[in-house]
Amino acid sequence: MIDHLVRQKVQISLLSFVWLFVFPALICADVPPKSFAQLNEAETIIVGTVQKIRVAPERSLVERGFGNYDWAIYVQISIEAIEKGNLDAPEIEIRCFRVKSRRSATESLSVTGHRPIPQVGTKVRVYLDGAEPILPNGITLTTASDDSSVGFDHGAVEAVEVRKLKSRAFTYFLPIEIVGLLVVGLWIGVGLIGLRRIQSAKLKSRKTGIPVA
């Protein structure tokens, strides 16, 4: 009976590991690129040139739980034309992001950030939703005019500052689901060991006639 319970717990643990590591690898929850028509529904559309890019690690604004971090990528753009909306400034700094780390396997399946983020000197069209470009492809080349030219591979050279960013899968090395599973497994293991010892003591008592203390 004990051996059967142990095998059962091991099987459950293995299935949990498969679920938390293999399944997320097979499913991508990242949002697909917006179409040209969808981008043009933005509140504000500007045309300008990328002047400066700065990167800083910050708490995630997408997955807000403690332990979730993003690379905040601030892109300074000199405005050359305002095609939609109202802006009264010669330049603007917009915030993009890429995932730095997530605390759990489920949260790692959320949107992974803006892309591409063109290098300094690139003339771009930016589709803004508030202070951020529309996710995930709200920055395009000014030559973009259809769906094929606003996708992830529309020809823009990504900024060096962004290409060199390193992301870590999980903030605490293991996802918190696994940490919880390990704690439960340890608790079950201790309980099974205790149960086995009690049964062994009872069996010995029956053989020797000495009552269990």
C-alpha atoms as a PDB file:
ATOM      1  CA  MET A   1       0.000   0.000   0.000  1.00  0.00           C
ATOM      2  CA  ILE A   2       2.775   2.398   0.945  1.00  0.00           C
ATOM      3  CA  ASP A   3       4.750   1.634  -2.226  1.00  0.00           C
ATOM      4  CA  HIS A   4       1.650   2.266  -4.316  1.00  0.00           C
ATOM      5  CA  LEU A   5       1.132   5.666  -2.660  1.00  0.00           C
ATOM      6  CA  VAL A   6       4.768   6.600  -3.227  1.00  0.00           C
ATOM      7  CA  ARG A   7       4.566   5.671  -6.916  1.00  0.00           C
ATOM      8  CA  GLN A   8       1.362   7.657  -7.247  1.00  0.00           C
ATOM      9  CA  LYS A   9       2.907  10.787  -5.714  1.00  0.00           C
ATOM     10  CA  VAL A  10       5.968  10.465  -7.952  1.00  0.00           C
ATOM     11  CA  GLN A  11       3.753  10.211 -11.038  1.00  0.00           C
ATOM     12  CA  ILE A  12       1.795  13.293  -9.998  1.00  0.00           C
ATOM     13  CA  SER A  13       5.036  15.204  -9.457  1.00  0.00           C
ATOM     14  CA  LEU A  14       6.379  14.219 -12.880  1.00  0.00           C
ATOM     15  CA  LEU A  15       3.136  15.266 -14.570  1.00  0.00           C
ATOM     16  CA  SER A  16       3.298  18.594 -12.744  1.00  0.00           C
ATOM     17  CA  PHE A  17       6.845  19.182 -13.990  1.00  0.00           C
ATOM     18  CA  VAL A  18       5.755  18.402 -17.556  1.00  0.00           C
ATOM     19  CA  TRP A  19       2.813  20.785 -17.246  1.00  0.00           C
ATOM     20  CA  LEU A  20       4.918  23.643 -15.864  1.00  0.00           C
ATOM     21  CA  PHE A  21       7.884  23.347 -18.229  1.00  0.00           C
ATOM     22  CA  VAL A  22       6.924  21.553 -21.431  1.00  0.00           C
ATOM     23  CA  PHE A  23       3.434  22.982 -21.859  1.00  0.00           C
ATOM     24  CA  PRO A  24       4.531  26.640 -21.554  1.00  0.00           C
ATOM     25  CA  ALA A  25       7.205  25.948 -24.158  1.00  0.00           C
ATOM     26  CA  LEU A  26       4.576  24.681 -26.589  1.00  0.00           C
ATOM     27  CA  ILE A  27       2.086  27.494 -26.083  1.00  0.00           C
ATOM     28  CA  CYS A  28       2.871  31.136 -26.717  1.00  0.00           C
ATOM     29  CA  ALA A  29       0.410  33.556 -25.144  1.00  0.00           C
ATOM     30  CA  ASP A  30       2.118  36.575 -26.651  1.00  0.00           C
ATOM     31  CA  VAL A  31      -0.255  38.788 -28.621  1.00  0.00           C
ATOM     32  CA  PRO A  32       0.099  38.643 -32.408  1.00  0.00           C
ATOM     33  CA  PRO A  33       1.155  41.780 -34.293  1.00  0.00           C
ATOM     34  CA  LYS A  34      -1.620  44.262 -34.956  1.00  0.00           C
ATOM     35  CA  SER A  35      -2.721  44.759 -38.543  1.00  0.00           C
ATOM     36  CA  PHE A  36      -2.177  48.025 -40.386  1.00  0.00           C
ATOM     37  CA  ALA A  37      -5.858  48.920 -39.902  1.00  0.00           C
ATOM     38  CA  GLN A  38      -5.730  48.127 -36.178  1.00  0.00           C
ATOM     39  CA  LEU A  39      -2.654  50.297 -35.688  1.00  0.00           C
ATOM     40  CA  ASN A  40      -4.400  53.205 -37.350  1.00  0.00           C
ATOM     41  CA  GLU A  41      -7.067  53.095 -34.647  1.00  0.00           C
ATOM     42  CA  ALA A  42      -4.456  54.474 -32.210  1.00  0.00           C
ATOM     43  CA  GLU A  43      -5.240  57.607 -30.210  1.00  0.00           C
ATOM     44  CA  THR A  44      -2.111  59.352 -31.464  1.00  0.00           C
ATOM     45  CA  ILE A  45       0.120  58.728 -34.473  1.00  0.00           C
ATOM     46  CA  ILE A  46       3.422  60.542 -34.869  1.00  0.00           C
ATOM     47  CA  VAL A  47       6.311  60.458 -37.310  1.00  0.00           C
ATOM     48  CA  GLY A  48       9.818  61.198 -36.123  1.00  0.00           C
ATOM     49  CA  THR A  49      13.394  60.027 -35.696  1.00  0.00           C
ATOM     50  CA  VAL A  50      14.777  57.943 -32.847  1.00  0.00           C
ATOM     51  CA  GLN A  51      17.302  60.148 -30.995  1.00  0.00           C
ATOM     52  CA  LYS A  52      18.166  58.212 -27.835  1.00  0.00           C
ATOM     53  CA  ILE A  53      17.438  54.938 -26.077  1.00  0.00           C
ATOM     54  CA  ARG A  54      17.889  54.214 -22.382  1.00  0.00           C
ATOM     55  CA  VAL A  55      17.161  50.983 -20.559  1.00  0.00           C
ATOM     56  CA  ALA A  56      16.361  50.366 -16.887  1.00  0.00           C
ATOM     57  CA  PRO A  57      15.069  47.341 -14.936  1.00  0.00           C
ATOM     58  CA  GLU A  58      11.652  48.018 -13.443  1.00  0.00           C
ATOM     59  CA  ARG A  59       8.750  46.220 -11.796  1.00  0.00           C
ATOM     60  CA  SER A  60       6.489  44.873 -14.512  1.00  0.00           C
ATOM     61  CA  LEU A  61       3.443  46.943 -15.422  1.00  0.00           C
ATOM     62  CA  VAL A  62       1.873  43.946 -17.164  1.00  0.00           C
ATOM     63  CA  GLU A  63       2.292  41.204 -14.549  1.00  0.00           C
ATOM     64  CA  ARG A  64       2.054  43.306 -11.388  1.00  0.00           C
ATOM     65  CA  GLY A  65       2.702  40.600  -8.795  1.00  0.00           C
ATOM     66  CA  PHE A  66       5.809  40.955  -6.633  1.00  0.00           C
ATOM     67  CA  GLY A  67       8.822  39.352  -8.284  1.00  0.00           C
ATOM     68  CA  ASN A  68       7.917  40.164 -11.902  1.00  0.00           C
ATOM     69  CA  TYR A  69      10.399  42.446 -13.672  1.00  0.00           C
ATOM     70  CA  ASP A  70      10.750  44.023 -17.106  1.00  0.00           C
ATOM     71  CA  TRP A  71      13.394  45.913 -19.006  1.00  0.00           C
ATOM     72  CA  ALA A  72      11.853  49.367 -19.411  1.00  0.00           C
ATOM     73  CA  ILE A  73      13.090  50.815 -22.712  1.00  0.00           C
ATOM     74  CA  TYR A  74      12.669  54.573 -23.025  1.00  0.00           C
ATOM     75  CA  VAL A  75      12.858  55.809 -26.599  1.00  0.00           C
ATOM     76  CA  GLN A  76      13.323  59.525 -27.250  1.00  0.00           C
ATOM     77  CA  ILE A  77      11.882  60.643 -30.584  1.00  0.00           C
ATOM     78  CA  SER A  78      12.103  64.020 -32.283  1.00  0.00           C
ATOM     79  CA  ILE A  79       8.668  64.725 -33.738  1.00  0.00           C
ATOM     80  CA  GLU A  80       8.514  65.676 -37.399  1.00  0.00           C
ATOM     81  CA  ALA A  81       4.787  65.238 -38.008  1.00  0.00           C
ATOM     82  CA  ILE A  82       1.615  64.505 -36.064  1.00  0.00           C
ATOM     83  CA  GLU A  83      -0.706  62.451 -38.227  1.00  0.00           C
ATOM     84  CA  LYS A  84      -3.368  61.928 -35.559  1.00  0.00           C
ATOM     85  CA  GLY A  85      -4.077  63.386 -32.137  1.00  0.00           C
ATOM     86  CA  ASN A  86      -2.730  66.462 -30.371  1.00  0.00           C
ATOM     87  CA  LEU A  87       0.841  66.915 -29.146  1.00  0.00           C
ATOM     88  CA  ASP A  88       2.498  70.228 -28.427  1.00  0.00           C
ATOM     89  CA  ALA A  89       6.160  69.296 -28.088  1.00  0.00           C
ATOM     90  CA  PRO A  90       9.173  69.023 -30.397  1.00  0.00           C
ATOM     91  CA  GLU A  91      10.025  65.593 -29.013  1.00  0.00           C
ATOM     92  CA  ILE A  92       8.575  62.795 -26.922  1.00  0.00           C
ATOM     93  CA  GLU A  93       9.904  59.950 -24.790  1.00  0.00           C
ATOM     94  CA  ILE A  94       7.892  56.765 -25.077  1.00  0.00           C
ATOM     95  CA  ARG A  95       8.120  53.687 -22.880  1.00  0.00           C
ATOM     96  CA  CYS A  96       8.521  50.232 -24.364  1.00  0.00           C
ATOM     97  CA  PHE A  97       9.459  47.042 -22.544  1.00  0.00           C
ATOM     98  CA  ARG A  98      10.828  43.517 -22.792  1.00  0.00           C
ATOM     99  CA  VAL A  99      10.424  40.795 -20.190  1.00  0.00           C
ATOM    100  CA  LYS A 100      13.309  40.550 -17.717  1.00  0.00           C
ATOM    101  CA  SER A 101      11.983  37.762 -15.458  1.00  0.00           C
ATOM    102  CA  ARG A 102       8.781  36.265 -14.148  1.00  0.00           C
ATOM    103  CA  ARG A 103       8.105  34.609 -10.805  1.00  0.00           C
ATOM    104  CA  SER A 104       5.798  31.886 -12.108  1.00  0.00           C
ATOM    105  CA  ALA A 105       5.270  29.670 -15.140  1.00  0.00           C
ATOM    106  CA  THR A 106       1.765  30.990 -15.791  1.00  0.00           C
ATOM    107  CA  GLU A 107       2.892  34.635 -15.657  1.00  0.00           C
ATOM    108  CA  SER A 108       5.722  33.867 -18.072  1.00  0.00           C
ATOM    109  CA  LEU A 109       3.062  33.232 -20.728  1.00  0.00           C
ATOM    110  CA  SER A 110       1.944  36.873 -20.824  1.00  0.00           C
ATOM    111  CA  VAL A 111       2.840  39.433 -23.473  1.00  0.00           C
ATOM    112  CA  THR A 112       6.621  39.682 -23.946  1.00  0.00           C
ATOM    113  CA  GLY A 113       6.870  43.329 -24.941  1.00  0.00           C
ATOM    114  CA  HIS A 114       7.268  45.662 -27.912  1.00  0.00           C
ATOM    115  CA  ARG A 115       9.174  44.631 -31.003  1.00  0.00           C
ATOM    116  CA  PRO A 116      11.012  45.587 -32.961  1.00  0.00           C
ATOM    117  CA  ILE A 117      12.505  48.663 -31.301  1.00  0.00           C
ATOM    118  CA  PRO A 118      14.526  50.422 -34.023  1.00  0.00           C
ATOM    119  CA  GLN A 119      18.023  51.771 -33.510  1.00  0.00           C
ATOM    120  CA  VAL A 120      18.966  55.424 -33.028  1.00  0.00           C
ATOM    121  CA  GLY A 121      18.695  57.401 -36.268  1.00  0.00           C
ATOM    122  CA  THR A 122      15.763  55.413 -37.648  1.00  0.00           C
ATOM    123  CA  LYS A 123      12.814  57.355 -38.969  1.00  0.00           C
ATOM    124  CA  VAL A 124       9.681  55.781 -37.519  1.00  0.00           C
ATOM    125  CA  ARG A 125       5.938  56.019 -37.258  1.00  0.00           C
ATOM    126  CA  VAL A 126       4.657  55.458 -33.724  1.00  0.00           C
ATOM    127  CA  TYR A 127       1.104  54.412 -32.916  1.00  0.00           C
ATOM    128  CA  LEU A 128       0.468  55.534 -29.345  1.00  0.00           C
ATOM    129  CA  ASP A 129      -2.049  54.304 -26.826  1.00  0.00           C
ATOM    130  CA  GLY A 130      -1.557  56.822 -24.042  1.00  0.00           C
ATOM    131  CA  ALA A 131       2.166  57.155 -23.340  1.00  0.00           C
ATOM    132  CA  GLU A 132       3.134  53.780 -24.816  1.00  0.00           C
ATOM    133  CA  PRO A 133       3.169  52.342 -28.327  1.00  0.00           C
ATOM    134  CA  ILE A 134       0.417  49.844 -29.081  1.00  0.00           C
ATOM    135  CA  LEU A 135       1.502  46.318 -28.152  1.00  0.00           C
ATOM    136  CA  PRO A 136       3.330  44.601 -29.607  1.00  0.00           C
ATOM    137  CA  ASN A 137       4.259  46.310 -32.899  1.00  0.00           C
ATOM    138  CA  GLY A 138       3.319  49.953 -32.385  1.00  0.00           C
ATOM    139  CA  ILE A 139       6.593  51.237 -33.839  1.00  0.00           C
ATOM    140  CA  THR A 140       7.046  50.814 -37.585  1.00  0.00           C
ATOM    141  CA  LEU A 141       9.103  52.306 -40.380  1.00  0.00           C
ATOM    142  CA  THR A 142       7.548  55.305 -42.078  1.00  0.00           C
ATOM    143  CA  THR A 143       7.351  53.302 -45.317  1.00  0.00           C
ATOM    144  CA  ALA A 144       4.904  50.810 -43.765  1.00  0.00           C
ATOM    145  CA  SER A 145       1.604  50.813 -45.635  1.00  0.00           C
ATOM    146  CA  ASP A 146       0.076  47.320 -45.279  1.00  0.00           C
ATOM    147  CA  ASP A 147      -0.078  44.309 -42.974  1.00  0.00           C
ATOM    148  CA  SER A 148       3.108  42.729 -44.280  1.00  0.00           C
ATOM    149  CA  SER A 149       5.118  45.883 -43.612  1.00  0.00           C
ATOM    150  CA  VAL A 150       4.023  46.334 -39.981  1.00  0.00           C
ATOM    151  CA  GLY A 151       4.793  42.809 -38.733  1.00  0.00           C
ATOM    152  CA  PHE A 152       7.656  41.803 -36.473  1.00  0.00           C
ATOM    153  CA  ASP A 153      10.044  41.407 -39.417  1.00  0.00           C
ATOM    154  CA  HIS A 154       9.280  44.603 -41.272  1.00  0.00           C
ATOM    155  CA  GLY A 155      12.916  45.487 -41.952  1.00  0.00           C
ATOM    156  CA  ALA A 156      13.796  47.762 -39.038  1.00  0.00           C
ATOM    157  CA  VAL A 157      17.219  47.142 -37.480  1.00  0.00           C
ATOM    158  CA  GLU A 158      16.733  46.616 -33.769  1.00  0.00           C
ATOM    159  CA  ALA A 159      18.663  48.857 -31.388  1.00  0.00           C
ATOM    160  CA  VAL A 160      21.931  47.503 -29.981  1.00  0.00           C
ATOM    161  CA  GLU A 161      20.773  48.474 -26.480  1.00  0.00           C
ATOM    162  CA  VAL A 162      17.823  46.112 -26.908  1.00  0.00           C
ATOM    163  CA  ARG A 163      19.637  43.259 -28.649  1.00  0.00           C
ATOM    164  CA  LYS A 164      22.102  42.890 -25.778  1.00  0.00           C
ATOM    165  CA  LEU A 165      19.410  42.623 -23.085  1.00  0.00           C
ATOM    166  CA  LYS A 166      19.370  39.320 -21.249  1.00  0.00           C
ATOM    167  CA  SER A 167      16.218  37.799 -19.863  1.00  0.00           C
ATOM    168  CA  ARG A 168      15.974  35.230 -17.104  1.00  0.00           C
ATOM    169  CA  ALA A 169      13.131  32.746 -17.262  1.00  0.00           C
ATOM    170  CA  PHE A 170      12.253  32.848 -13.577  1.00  0.00           C
ATOM    171  CA  THR A 171      13.072  35.425 -10.926  1.00  0.00           C
ATOM    172  CA  TYR A 172      13.711  32.860  -8.204  1.00  0.00           C
ATOM    173  CA  PHE A 173      15.374  30.194 -10.398  1.00  0.00           C
ATOM    174  CA  LEU A 174      12.302  27.986 -10.129  1.00  0.00           C
ATOM    175  CA  PRO A 175       8.692  29.057 -10.748  1.00  0.00           C
ATOM    176  CA  ILE A 176       6.695  29.482  -7.567  1.00  0.00           C
ATOM    177  CA  GLU A 177       4.409  26.627  -8.664  1.00  0.00           C
ATOM    178  CA  ILE A 178       7.374  24.246  -8.414  1.00  0.00           C
ATOM    179  CA  VAL A 179       8.404  25.675  -5.040  1.00  0.00           C
ATOM    180  CA  GLY A 180       4.897  24.983  -3.752  1.00  0.00           C
ATOM    181  CA  LEU A 181       4.966  21.511  -5.269  1.00  0.00           C
ATOM    182  CA  LEU A 182       8.291  20.750  -3.579  1.00  0.00           C
ATOM    183  CA  VAL A 183       6.943  21.891  -0.209  1.00  0.00           C
ATOM    184  CA  VAL A 184       3.840  19.709  -0.591  1.00  0.00           C
ATOM    185  CA  GLY A 185       5.974  16.794  -1.783  1.00  0.00           C
ATOM    186  CA  LEU A 186       8.256  17.152   1.228  1.00  0.00           C
ATOM    187  CA  TRP A 187       5.255  17.220   3.544  1.00  0.00           C
ATOM    188  CA  ILE A 188       3.799  14.103   1.892  1.00  0.00           C
ATOM    189  CA  GLY A 189       7.184  12.357   2.052  1.00  0.00           C
ATOM    190  CA  VAL A 190       7.561  13.050   5.760  1.00  0.00           C
ATOM    191  CA  GLY A 191       4.037  11.776   6.360  1.00  0.00           C
ATOM    192  CA  LEU A 192       4.660   8.575   4.385  1.00  0.00           C
ATOM    193  CA  ILE A 193       7.909   7.911   6.247  1.00  0.00           C
ATOM    194  CA  GLY A 194       6.103   8.375   9.558  1.00  0.00           C
ATOM    195  CA  LEU A 195       3.302   6.049   8.443  1.00  0.00           C
ATOM    196  CA  ARG A 196       5.791   3.392   7.344  1.00  0.00           C
ATOM    197  CA  ARG A 197       7.557   3.569  10.691  1.00  0.00           C
ATOM    198  CA  ILE A 198       4.238   3.123  12.538  1.00  0.00           C
ATOM    199  CA  GLN A 199       3.308   0.136  10.401  1.00  0.00           C
ATOM    200  CA  SER A 200       6.769  -1.401  10.870  1.00  0.00           C
ATOM    201  CA  ALA A 201       6.464  -0.933  14.626  1.00  0.00           C
ATOM    202  CA  LYS A 202       3.030  -2.613  14.641  1.00  0.00           C
ATOM    203  CA  LEU A 203       4.344  -5.524  12.575  1.00  0.00           C
ATOM    204  CA  LYS A 204       7.286  -5.966  14.946  1.00  0.00           C
ATOM    205  CA  SER A 205       4.889  -5.829  17.906  1.00  0.00           C
ATOM    206  CA  ARG A 206       2.766  -8.637  16.484  1.00  0.00           C
ATOM    207  CA  LYS A 207       5.852 -10.794  15.915  1.00  0.00           C
ATOM    208  CA  THR A 208       7.420 -10.197  19.338  1.00  0.00           C
ATOM    209  CA  GLY A 209       4.287  -9.737  21.404  1.00  0.00           C
ATOM    210  CA  ILE A 210       5.695  -6.520  22.800  1.00  0.00           C
ATOM    211  CA  PRO A 211       3.074  -3.712  22.613  1.00  0.00           C
ATOM    212  CA  VAL A 212       3.919  -0.559  20.690  1.00  0.00           C
ATOM    213  CA  ALA A 213       4.976   2.221  23.071  1.00  0.00           C
END
